[in-house]
């Protein structure tokens, strides 16, 4: 988590470059961003009935998995749950503006958890801590669902030191 303008996007590009060049960990990587973040030249609209020549040329590459990085939008992910993207086993799933997933029941979170496979997940955000523990839990649950399974357990764990009113609780030895 870094404040806005401190280079989360460039750090992500550097991470992917490092993984591909030094660790020989080629993709596929999927980067999911808000529509407002995507330059028009990168946005491929799969929903039009008449695809451009450029879009048609990309579909076989997508189906074959012969690419390393795909940038797509929240809107595309939510709208087309049964597309080719759900059939790809992504090495990394990177979600920009990840704090938007603070509600465990939001459509994007539900679609990604239900339809997309990725053993490594990254959230980019300038504001990871919101107002309530369930919001933090939702982000951690997306990143590490086997560790942060239950919101109520998470809340109990964090609230336990403060449950004894009036008593000082020793947290560390």
Foldseek 3Di string as FASTA:
>chain_A
DAAPPPQPPVVVVVVQCCCCPVVVDFWQEEEEEAPVPDDPVQEADPPDPDHDPVNVVCVVCLLVVVHGYHYYYLVVLLVCLPDSQLVDATQEYEYEQLLVQLDLPDSSNVSCVPRHHYPAYYYHHNPLDDDDQSSNLRSVCSGPVVVSVDSVVSCCVVCVCVPPPPDHDDDDD
